[in-house]
Amino acid sequence: MLAWNRANPERVRASKKKGYDADPKKVNLRNKAWREKNPERVRQHWAAFHARNKYKEKEWSRKKRIKNREKNRATQKRYHAARPGLKNLWWTNRKAQKLRASLDWGEFNELVLREAYDLAKLRSKATGIAWHVDHIVPLKSRRVCGLHVFSNLQVIPGAENFRKSNVVWPDMP
C-alpha cells in the first residue's frame, strides 16, 4: 500500500482532498484523536521539523511580525489599556535597575548621560527613525550585568538596539 501511495502521490492527494471536502469536521476529529493517542510521535515529528527549519523559522517569524505589525500594535495597546499598572511597574523596575547600576561619579556622569539622551532625540528628529541610548554591556542579562555610566553607553538606531537585545556585547564569551 505504501509503495502504491508513493508511486501515485497526485491520486492520494486528490482522494484525501475529496474526503476532507466532504466532511472536514470528521477528518479534523479523527486527526485530533490520533494526535491524542500518539503524543510521542507528534512530539518527534515537531522536533524533527524544528531541527530541519531552525534557520527558516526566525525569518518566518520576522515576516509574520512585519505582516501583522498594525494588528500586533492594536493588541499591545489593548493589553496595556487593560493593565495600566503593569507598564508602570515595568518602567519603575527599569528605573530601579538603572539606579542600582549607577555609580555616584558626580555631575560629570549626569551631564554625559543627559547629552547621550539628548543626542538620541536629536538624531531621531533629524533622520526620522528612532535612535536609542544603548548600554553596551546590558544592565540585566543572564551572563553579565553592566553599569549605567557614560562609558557603557552608545547611541544607535532603535532597530539595531532591538536586534542586539540584551544578549550581545563586546568580548562576550
N, C-alpha and C. Protein backbone atom coordinates (compact mmCIF):
# COMPACT_ATOMS: atom_id res chain seq x y z
N MET A 1 0.82 -1.20 0.00
CA MET A 1 0.00 0.00 0.00
C MET A 1 0.86 1.26 0.00
N LEU A 2 1.91 1.26 0.84
CA LEU A 2 2.78 2.42 0.93
C LEU A 2 3.49 2.69 -0.39
N ALA A 3 3.92 1.62 -1.06
CA ALA A 3 4.60 1.77 -2.35
C ALA A 3 3.64 2.39 -3.38
N TRP A 4 2.39 1.95 -3.35
CA TRP A 4 1.41 2.49 -4.28
C TRP A 4 1.20 3.99 -4.00
N ASN A 5 1.13 4.34 -2.71
CA ASN A 5 0.95 5.75 -2.33
C ASN A 5 2.10 6.60 -2.85
N ARG A 6 3.34 6.07 -2.72
CA ARG A 6 4.49 6.83 -3.20
C ARG A 6 4.50 6.93 -4.72
N ALA A 7 4.01 5.92 -5.38
CA ALA A 7 4.01 5.92 -6.85
C ALA A 7 2.91 6.82 -7.42
N ASN A 8 1.86 7.05 -6.63
CA ASN A 8 0.71 7.84 -7.11
C ASN A 8 0.37 8.99 -6.16
N PRO A 9 1.29 9.92 -5.95
CA PRO A 9 1.03 10.97 -4.96
C PRO A 9 -0.14 11.88 -5.33
N GLU A 10 -0.34 12.13 -6.63
CA GLU A 10 -1.45 13.00 -7.05
C GLU A 10 -2.80 12.37 -6.71
N ARG A 11 -2.91 11.05 -6.96
CA ARG A 11 -4.17 10.36 -6.68
C ARG A 11 -4.45 10.33 -5.17
N VAL A 12 -3.39 10.13 -4.39
CA VAL A 12 -3.55 10.11 -2.93
C VAL A 12 -4.01 11.48 -2.45
N ARG A 13 -3.35 12.54 -2.95
CA ARG A 13 -3.72 13.90 -2.57
C ARG A 13 -5.17 14.20 -2.94
N ALA A 14 -5.56 13.81 -4.14
CA ALA A 14 -6.93 14.05 -4.61
C ALA A 14 -7.94 13.31 -3.73
N SER A 15 -7.60 12.07 -3.37
CA SER A 15 -8.50 11.28 -2.53
C SER A 15 -8.65 11.91 -1.14
N LYS A 16 -7.53 12.35 -0.56
CA LYS A 16 -7.58 12.97 0.76
C LYS A 16 -8.38 14.27 0.71
N LYS A 17 -8.15 15.06 -0.36
CA LYS A 17 -8.86 16.33 -0.50
C LYS A 17 -10.36 16.07 -0.64
N LYS A 18 -10.71 15.04 -1.40
CA LYS A 18 -12.12 14.69 -1.60
C LYS A 18 -12.76 14.33 -0.25
N GLY A 19 -12.06 13.54 0.56
CA GLY A 19 -12.58 13.16 1.87
C GLY A 19 -12.70 14.36 2.79
N TYR A 20 -11.70 15.24 2.75
CA TYR A 20 -11.71 16.42 3.60
C TYR A 20 -12.82 17.38 3.18
N ASP A 21 -12.98 17.57 1.85
CA ASP A 21 -14.02 18.46 1.35
C ASP A 21 -15.41 17.94 1.71
N ALA A 22 -15.56 16.62 1.75
CA ALA A 22 -16.87 16.03 2.06
C ALA A 22 -17.25 16.31 3.52
N ASP A 23 -16.32 16.11 4.44
CA ASP A 23 -16.63 16.31 5.86
C ASP A 23 -15.38 16.73 6.63
N PRO A 24 -15.03 18.01 6.58
CA PRO A 24 -13.80 18.45 7.24
C PRO A 24 -13.82 18.26 8.76
N LYS A 25 -14.99 18.41 9.38
CA LYS A 25 -15.07 18.24 10.84
C LYS A 25 -14.72 16.81 11.24
N LYS A 26 -15.20 15.86 10.47
CA LYS A 26 -14.94 14.45 10.75
C LYS A 26 -13.43 14.16 10.64
N VAL A 27 -12.81 14.69 9.60
CA VAL A 27 -11.38 14.50 9.39
C VAL A 27 -10.60 15.15 10.53
N ASN A 28 -10.97 16.37 10.90
CA ASN A 28 -10.28 17.06 11.99
C ASN A 28 -10.41 16.31 13.31
N LEU A 29 -11.58 15.77 13.59
CA LEU A 29 -11.78 14.99 14.82
C LEU A 29 -10.95 13.72 14.80
N ARG A 30 -10.89 13.05 13.64
CA ARG A 30 -10.09 11.82 13.52
C ARG A 30 -8.61 12.14 13.72
N ASN A 31 -8.16 13.24 13.12
CA ASN A 31 -6.76 13.63 13.29
C ASN A 31 -6.44 14.00 14.73
N LYS A 32 -7.36 14.70 15.38
CA LYS A 32 -7.16 15.08 16.78
C LYS A 32 -7.08 13.84 17.67
N ALA A 33 -7.96 12.88 17.41
CA ALA A 33 -7.95 11.64 18.19
C ALA A 33 -6.62 10.90 18.01
N TRP A 34 -6.12 10.87 16.77
CA TRP A 34 -4.84 10.20 16.52
C TRP A 34 -3.71 10.91 17.26
N ARG A 35 -3.71 12.25 17.24
CA ARG A 35 -2.66 13.01 17.93
C ARG A 35 -2.70 12.77 19.44
N GLU A 36 -3.91 12.65 19.99
CA GLU A 36 -4.03 12.40 21.43
C GLU A 36 -3.55 10.99 21.79
N LYS A 37 -3.74 10.02 20.88
CA LYS A 37 -3.27 8.65 21.12
C LYS A 37 -1.77 8.53 20.96
N ASN A 38 -1.17 9.36 20.12
CA ASN A 38 0.24 9.24 19.77
C ASN A 38 1.04 10.51 20.08
N PRO A 39 1.05 10.97 21.32
CA PRO A 39 1.73 12.23 21.63
C PRO A 39 3.24 12.17 21.37
N GLU A 40 3.84 10.99 21.59
CA GLU A 40 5.28 10.89 21.38
C GLU A 40 5.64 11.04 19.91
N ARG A 41 4.85 10.45 19.02
CA ARG A 41 5.12 10.58 17.58
C ARG A 41 4.92 12.02 17.11
N VAL A 42 3.92 12.68 17.68
CA VAL A 42 3.68 14.09 17.34
C VAL A 42 4.88 14.93 17.80
N ARG A 43 5.36 14.67 19.03
CA ARG A 43 6.50 15.40 19.57
C ARG A 43 7.74 15.18 18.70
N GLN A 44 7.97 13.90 18.28
CA GLN A 44 9.11 13.59 17.42
C GLN A 44 9.00 14.31 16.08
N HIS A 45 7.79 14.33 15.53
CA HIS A 45 7.57 15.00 14.25
C HIS A 45 7.93 16.47 14.34
N TRP A 46 7.43 17.15 15.40
CA TRP A 46 7.68 18.58 15.51
C TRP A 46 9.13 18.88 15.86
N ALA A 47 9.75 18.00 16.63
CA ALA A 47 11.18 18.19 16.94
C ALA A 47 12.00 18.10 15.66
N ALA A 48 11.69 17.13 14.82
CA ALA A 48 12.40 16.98 13.55
C ALA A 48 12.12 18.18 12.64
N PHE A 49 10.89 18.65 12.62
CA PHE A 49 10.53 19.81 11.80
C PHE A 49 11.33 21.03 12.22
N HIS A 50 11.39 21.29 13.54
CA HIS A 50 12.11 22.45 14.04
C HIS A 50 13.61 22.31 13.77
N ALA A 51 14.15 21.10 13.87
CA ALA A 51 15.56 20.89 13.59
C ALA A 51 15.86 21.17 12.11
N ARG A 52 14.96 20.74 11.21
CA ARG A 52 15.16 20.95 9.78
C ARG A 52 15.03 22.42 9.41
N ASN A 53 14.18 23.14 10.10
CA ASN A 53 13.86 24.52 9.72
C ASN A 53 14.34 25.55 10.73
N LYS A 54 15.39 25.23 11.46
CA LYS A 54 15.86 26.10 12.54
C LYS A 54 16.12 27.52 12.04
N TYR A 55 16.78 27.65 10.91
CA TYR A 55 17.14 28.98 10.42
C TYR A 55 15.98 29.65 9.71
N LYS A 56 15.09 28.87 9.13
CA LYS A 56 13.95 29.44 8.41
C LYS A 56 12.92 30.02 9.37
N GLU A 57 12.77 29.40 10.55
CA GLU A 57 11.73 29.82 11.49
C GLU A 57 11.92 31.27 11.94
N LYS A 58 13.17 31.68 12.12
CA LYS A 58 13.43 33.06 12.52
C LYS A 58 12.94 34.02 11.44
N GLU A 59 13.20 33.67 10.19
CA GLU A 59 12.76 34.51 9.07
C GLU A 59 11.24 34.50 8.96
N TRP A 60 10.61 33.33 9.15
CA TRP A 60 9.14 33.24 9.10
C TRP A 60 8.54 34.13 10.18
N SER A 61 9.13 34.08 11.38
CA SER A 61 8.62 34.87 12.49
C SER A 61 8.75 36.37 12.18
N ARG A 62 9.89 36.77 11.61
CA ARG A 62 10.10 38.17 11.26
C ARG A 62 9.08 38.63 10.22
N LYS A 63 8.85 37.82 9.19
CA LYS A 63 7.89 38.17 8.15
C LYS A 63 6.48 38.28 8.72
N LYS A 64 6.13 37.36 9.64
CA LYS A 64 4.80 37.39 10.25
C LYS A 64 4.62 38.66 11.09
N ARG A 65 5.68 39.04 11.83
CA ARG A 65 5.62 40.27 12.63
C ARG A 65 5.42 41.48 11.74
N ILE A 66 6.15 41.53 10.63
CA ILE A 66 6.04 42.67 9.71
C ILE A 66 4.66 42.70 9.09
N LYS A 67 4.16 41.55 8.67
CA LYS A 67 2.85 41.47 8.02
C LYS A 67 1.74 41.90 8.96
N ASN A 68 1.87 41.56 10.24
CA ASN A 68 0.81 41.84 11.22
C ASN A 68 1.17 42.97 12.16
N ARG A 69 2.01 43.90 11.70
CA ARG A 69 2.50 44.97 12.57
C ARG A 69 1.36 45.77 13.21
N GLU A 70 0.40 46.20 12.41
CA GLU A 70 -0.70 47.01 12.93
C GLU A 70 -1.57 46.22 13.91
N LYS A 71 -1.83 44.97 13.56
CA LYS A 71 -2.63 44.11 14.44
C LYS A 71 -1.91 43.90 15.78
N ASN A 72 -0.60 43.68 15.72
CA ASN A 72 0.19 43.49 16.94
C ASN A 72 0.18 44.75 17.81
N ARG A 73 0.29 45.91 17.17
CA ARG A 73 0.26 47.16 17.93
C ARG A 73 -1.09 47.37 18.61
N ALA A 74 -2.17 47.05 17.88
CA ALA A 74 -3.51 47.19 18.46
C ALA A 74 -3.67 46.24 19.65
N THR A 75 -3.18 45.01 19.50
CA THR A 75 -3.26 44.03 20.59
C THR A 75 -2.46 44.52 21.79
N GLN A 76 -1.29 45.07 21.53
CA GLN A 76 -0.45 45.58 22.61
C GLN A 76 -1.12 46.75 23.33
N LYS A 77 -1.76 47.64 22.56
CA LYS A 77 -2.45 48.77 23.18
C LYS A 77 -3.60 48.29 24.07
N ARG A 78 -4.37 47.31 23.57
CA ARG A 78 -5.46 46.76 24.38
C ARG A 78 -4.91 46.11 25.65
N TYR A 79 -3.81 45.39 25.52
CA TYR A 79 -3.19 44.72 26.66
C TYR A 79 -2.79 45.74 27.72
N HIS A 80 -2.11 46.81 27.29
CA HIS A 80 -1.66 47.82 28.24
C HIS A 80 -2.82 48.64 28.80
N ALA A 81 -3.86 48.86 27.99
CA ALA A 81 -5.02 49.61 28.48
C ALA A 81 -5.74 48.81 29.57
N ALA A 82 -5.76 47.49 29.43
CA ALA A 82 -6.42 46.65 30.42
C ALA A 82 -5.58 46.50 31.70
N ARG A 83 -4.28 46.75 31.60
CA ARG A 83 -3.38 46.60 32.75
C ARG A 83 -2.51 47.84 32.91
N PRO A 84 -3.09 48.98 33.28
CA PRO A 84 -2.30 50.22 33.33
C PRO A 84 -1.17 50.17 34.35
N GLY A 85 -1.35 49.45 35.42
CA GLY A 85 -0.32 49.38 36.45
C GLY A 85 0.89 48.58 36.02
N LEU A 86 0.70 47.65 35.09
CA LEU A 86 1.79 46.77 34.67
C LEU A 86 2.89 47.53 33.95
N LYS A 87 2.51 48.41 33.04
CA LYS A 87 3.51 49.20 32.32
C LYS A 87 4.26 50.09 33.30
N ASN A 88 3.54 50.67 34.26
CA ASN A 88 4.19 51.49 35.28
C ASN A 88 5.16 50.66 36.11
N LEU A 89 4.77 49.42 36.41
CA LEU A 89 5.63 48.53 37.18
C LEU A 89 6.92 48.24 36.40
N TRP A 90 6.79 47.92 35.11
CA TRP A 90 7.97 47.66 34.28
C TRP A 90 8.89 48.88 34.24
N TRP A 91 8.28 50.05 34.05
CA TRP A 91 9.06 51.28 33.95
C TRP A 91 9.77 51.57 35.27
N THR A 92 9.07 51.37 36.38
CA THR A 92 9.66 51.60 37.70
C THR A 92 10.80 50.63 37.95
N ASN A 93 10.60 49.36 37.58
CA ASN A 93 11.66 48.37 37.75
C ASN A 93 12.88 48.72 36.91
N ARG A 94 12.65 49.21 35.71
CA ARG A 94 13.75 49.60 34.83
C ARG A 94 14.54 50.77 35.46
N LYS A 95 13.80 51.75 35.98
CA LYS A 95 14.47 52.89 36.62
C LYS A 95 15.27 52.42 37.85
N ALA A 96 14.70 51.51 38.62
CA ALA A 96 15.39 50.99 39.80
C ALA A 96 16.65 50.23 39.39
N GLN A 97 16.55 49.47 38.31
CA GLN A 97 17.70 48.72 37.80
C GLN A 97 18.82 49.70 37.42
N LYS A 98 18.45 50.79 36.76
CA LYS A 98 19.45 51.80 36.38
C LYS A 98 20.08 52.43 37.61
N LEU A 99 19.26 52.72 38.62
CA LEU A 99 19.80 53.33 39.84
C LEU A 99 20.77 52.39 40.53
N ARG A 100 20.42 51.11 40.61
CA ARG A 100 21.32 50.13 41.24
C ARG A 100 22.62 49.99 40.44
N ALA A 101 22.54 50.20 39.13
CA ALA A 101 23.70 50.03 38.27
C ALA A 101 24.48 51.33 38.11
N SER A 102 24.03 52.40 38.74
CA SER A 102 24.70 53.69 38.60
C SER A 102 25.76 53.86 39.69
N LEU A 103 26.79 54.58 39.33
CA LEU A 103 27.83 54.93 40.30
C LEU A 103 27.73 56.42 40.55
N ASP A 104 28.07 56.85 41.73
CA ASP A 104 28.00 58.27 42.06
C ASP A 104 29.30 58.94 41.63
N TRP A 105 29.36 59.30 40.34
CA TRP A 105 30.55 59.97 39.82
C TRP A 105 30.31 61.45 39.67
N GLY A 106 29.26 61.90 40.27
CA GLY A 106 29.02 63.33 40.31
C GLY A 106 28.35 63.89 39.07
N GLU A 107 28.52 65.19 38.91
CA GLU A 107 27.83 65.92 37.86
C GLU A 107 28.31 65.55 36.46
N PHE A 108 29.59 65.17 36.33
CA PHE A 108 30.10 64.82 35.01
C PHE A 108 29.33 63.65 34.41
N ASN A 109 29.12 62.64 35.19
CA ASN A 109 28.38 61.46 34.72
C ASN A 109 26.96 61.87 34.30
N GLU A 110 26.31 62.68 35.12
CA GLU A 110 24.95 63.13 34.81
C GLU A 110 24.92 63.94 33.52
N LEU A 111 25.89 64.80 33.33
CA LEU A 111 25.97 65.64 32.13
C LEU A 111 26.11 64.77 30.88
N VAL A 112 27.02 63.81 30.92
CA VAL A 112 27.25 62.95 29.75
C VAL A 112 26.03 62.08 29.48
N LEU A 113 25.40 61.57 30.52
CA LEU A 113 24.19 60.76 30.34
C LEU A 113 23.10 61.59 29.68
N ARG A 114 22.90 62.82 30.19
CA ARG A 114 21.88 63.71 29.61
C ARG A 114 22.19 64.01 28.16
N GLU A 115 23.47 64.24 27.85
CA GLU A 115 23.87 64.52 26.47
C GLU A 115 23.58 63.34 25.55
N ALA A 116 23.80 62.13 26.04
CA ALA A 116 23.53 60.94 25.22
C ALA A 116 22.05 60.86 24.88
N TYR A 117 21.19 61.08 25.87
CA TYR A 117 19.75 61.02 25.62
C TYR A 117 19.29 62.18 24.72
N ASP A 118 19.88 63.34 24.89
CA ASP A 118 19.56 64.48 24.00
C ASP A 118 19.99 64.19 22.57
N LEU A 119 21.17 63.58 22.41
CA LEU A 119 21.67 63.23 21.08
C LEU A 119 20.73 62.23 20.40
N ALA A 120 20.24 61.26 21.16
CA ALA A 120 19.31 60.27 20.59
C ALA A 120 18.04 60.96 20.09
N LYS A 121 17.51 61.90 20.88
CA LYS A 121 16.31 62.64 20.46
C LYS A 121 16.59 63.47 19.21
N LEU A 122 17.74 64.14 19.20
CA LEU A 122 18.11 64.98 18.07
C LEU A 122 18.24 64.16 16.79
N ARG A 123 18.92 63.02 16.88
CA ARG A 123 19.09 62.16 15.71
C ARG A 123 17.75 61.61 15.24
N SER A 124 16.86 61.29 16.18
CA SER A 124 15.53 60.79 15.81
C SER A 124 14.77 61.83 15.02
N LYS A 125 14.83 63.08 15.48
CA LYS A 125 14.16 64.18 14.78
C LYS A 125 14.76 64.40 13.40
N ALA A 126 16.08 64.41 13.33
CA ALA A 126 16.78 64.73 12.08
C ALA A 126 16.61 63.65 11.02
N THR A 127 16.66 62.39 11.42
CA THR A 127 16.63 61.30 10.44
C THR A 127 15.24 60.72 10.21
N GLY A 128 14.35 60.89 11.18
CA GLY A 128 13.02 60.32 11.05
C GLY A 128 12.93 58.87 11.48
N ILE A 129 14.04 58.30 11.95
CA ILE A 129 14.00 56.94 12.51
C ILE A 129 14.35 57.03 13.98
N ALA A 130 13.91 56.05 14.74
CA ALA A 130 14.14 56.06 16.19
C ALA A 130 15.59 55.73 16.51
N TRP A 131 16.19 56.53 17.38
CA TRP A 131 17.53 56.27 17.89
C TRP A 131 17.40 56.03 19.38
N HIS A 132 18.19 55.08 19.90
CA HIS A 132 18.13 54.72 21.30
C HIS A 132 19.49 54.90 21.96
N VAL A 133 19.45 55.16 23.24
CA VAL A 133 20.68 55.13 24.04
C VAL A 133 20.79 53.69 24.53
N ASP A 134 21.85 53.02 24.11
CA ASP A 134 22.02 51.60 24.37
C ASP A 134 23.14 51.38 25.38
N HIS A 135 22.94 50.42 26.25
CA HIS A 135 24.01 50.01 27.16
C HIS A 135 24.84 48.96 26.42
N ILE A 136 26.10 49.24 26.23
CA ILE A 136 26.99 48.33 25.50
C ILE A 136 26.99 46.98 26.19
N VAL A 137 27.28 46.96 27.47
CA VAL A 137 27.12 45.74 28.28
C VAL A 137 25.78 45.90 28.98
N PRO A 138 24.82 44.99 28.72
CA PRO A 138 23.45 45.17 29.21
C PRO A 138 23.37 45.30 30.73
N LEU A 139 22.36 46.06 31.17
CA LEU A 139 22.15 46.21 32.62
C LEU A 139 21.67 44.92 33.24
N LYS A 140 20.92 44.16 32.47
CA LYS A 140 20.31 42.95 33.02
C LYS A 140 20.41 41.84 31.98
N SER A 141 21.18 40.81 32.29
CA SER A 141 21.35 39.68 31.38
C SER A 141 21.64 38.44 32.21
N ARG A 142 21.54 37.28 31.59
CA ARG A 142 21.82 36.04 32.33
C ARG A 142 23.30 35.92 32.68
N ARG A 143 24.15 36.41 31.78
CA ARG A 143 25.59 36.19 31.96
C ARG A 143 26.34 37.35 32.59
N VAL A 144 25.88 38.57 32.35
CA VAL A 144 26.65 39.72 32.81
C VAL A 144 25.71 40.89 33.08
N CYS A 145 26.10 41.77 33.95
CA CYS A 145 25.33 42.99 34.21
C CYS A 145 26.29 44.17 34.16
N GLY A 146 25.95 45.14 33.30
CA GLY A 146 26.79 46.33 33.15
C GLY A 146 26.36 47.44 34.08
N LEU A 147 26.99 48.58 33.91
CA LEU A 147 26.68 49.74 34.74
C LEU A 147 26.01 50.82 33.90
N HIS A 148 25.24 51.67 34.56
CA HIS A 148 24.59 52.80 33.90
C HIS A 148 25.50 54.01 34.04
N VAL A 149 26.61 53.97 33.29
CA VAL A 149 27.60 55.05 33.31
C VAL A 149 27.94 55.44 31.88
N PHE A 150 28.53 56.62 31.70
CA PHE A 150 28.80 57.15 30.37
C PHE A 150 29.67 56.23 29.52
N SER A 151 30.60 55.52 30.12
CA SER A 151 31.49 54.66 29.34
C SER A 151 30.80 53.40 28.84
N ASN A 152 29.58 53.13 29.30
CA ASN A 152 28.83 51.94 28.87
C ASN A 152 27.65 52.32 27.97
N LEU A 153 27.65 53.56 27.44
CA LEU A 153 26.52 53.99 26.62
C LEU A 153 26.96 54.24 25.18
N GLN A 154 26.03 53.99 24.27
CA GLN A 154 26.23 54.36 22.87
C GLN A 154 24.86 54.72 22.29
N VAL A 155 24.85 55.59 21.31
CA VAL A 155 23.60 55.99 20.66
C VAL A 155 23.55 55.25 19.32
N ILE A 156 22.55 54.37 19.17
CA ILE A 156 22.44 53.55 17.95
C ILE A 156 20.98 53.57 17.47
N PRO A 157 20.75 53.20 16.20
CA PRO A 157 19.37 53.13 15.71
C PRO A 157 18.56 52.12 16.52
N GLY A 158 17.28 52.43 16.70
CA GLY A 158 16.42 51.58 17.50
C GLY A 158 16.34 50.15 16.99
N ALA A 159 16.28 49.98 15.65
CA ALA A 159 16.20 48.63 15.08
C ALA A 159 17.43 47.81 15.47
N GLU A 160 18.59 48.45 15.44
CA GLU A 160 19.83 47.76 15.82
C GLU A 160 19.80 47.39 17.30
N ASN A 161 19.25 48.27 18.12
CA ASN A 161 19.15 48.00 19.55
C ASN A 161 18.24 46.81 19.82
N PHE A 162 17.10 46.74 19.12
CA PHE A 162 16.19 45.62 19.32
C PHE A 162 16.81 44.32 18.83
N ARG A 163 17.55 44.40 17.72
CA ARG A 163 18.19 43.21 17.18
C ARG A 163 19.24 42.69 18.16
N LYS A 164 19.97 43.61 18.77
CA LYS A 164 21.03 43.26 19.72
C LYS A 164 20.44 42.65 20.99
N SER A 165 19.29 43.17 21.40
CA SER A 165 18.62 42.76 22.64
C SER A 165 19.59 42.89 23.80
N ASN A 166 19.53 41.96 24.76
CA ASN A 166 20.48 42.05 25.87
C ASN A 166 21.39 40.82 25.87
N VAL A 167 21.62 40.27 24.69
CA VAL A 167 22.42 39.06 24.61
C VAL A 167 23.74 39.24 23.86
N VAL A 168 24.01 40.45 23.34
CA VAL A 168 25.24 40.68 22.59
C VAL A 168 26.00 41.84 23.21
N TRP A 169 27.28 41.66 23.43
CA TRP A 169 28.12 42.74 23.92
C TRP A 169 29.56 42.42 23.50
N PRO A 170 30.45 43.41 23.51
CA PRO A 170 31.81 43.18 23.08
C PRO A 170 32.52 42.18 23.98
N ASP A 171 33.38 41.41 23.40
CA ASP A 171 34.20 40.43 24.13
C ASP A 171 33.35 39.43 24.91
N MET A 172 32.16 39.15 24.39
CA MET A 172 31.31 38.19 25.11
C MET A 172 31.89 36.79 24.95
N PRO A 173 31.73 35.94 25.97
CA PRO A 173 32.30 34.57 25.92
C PRO A 173 31.57 33.72 24.89
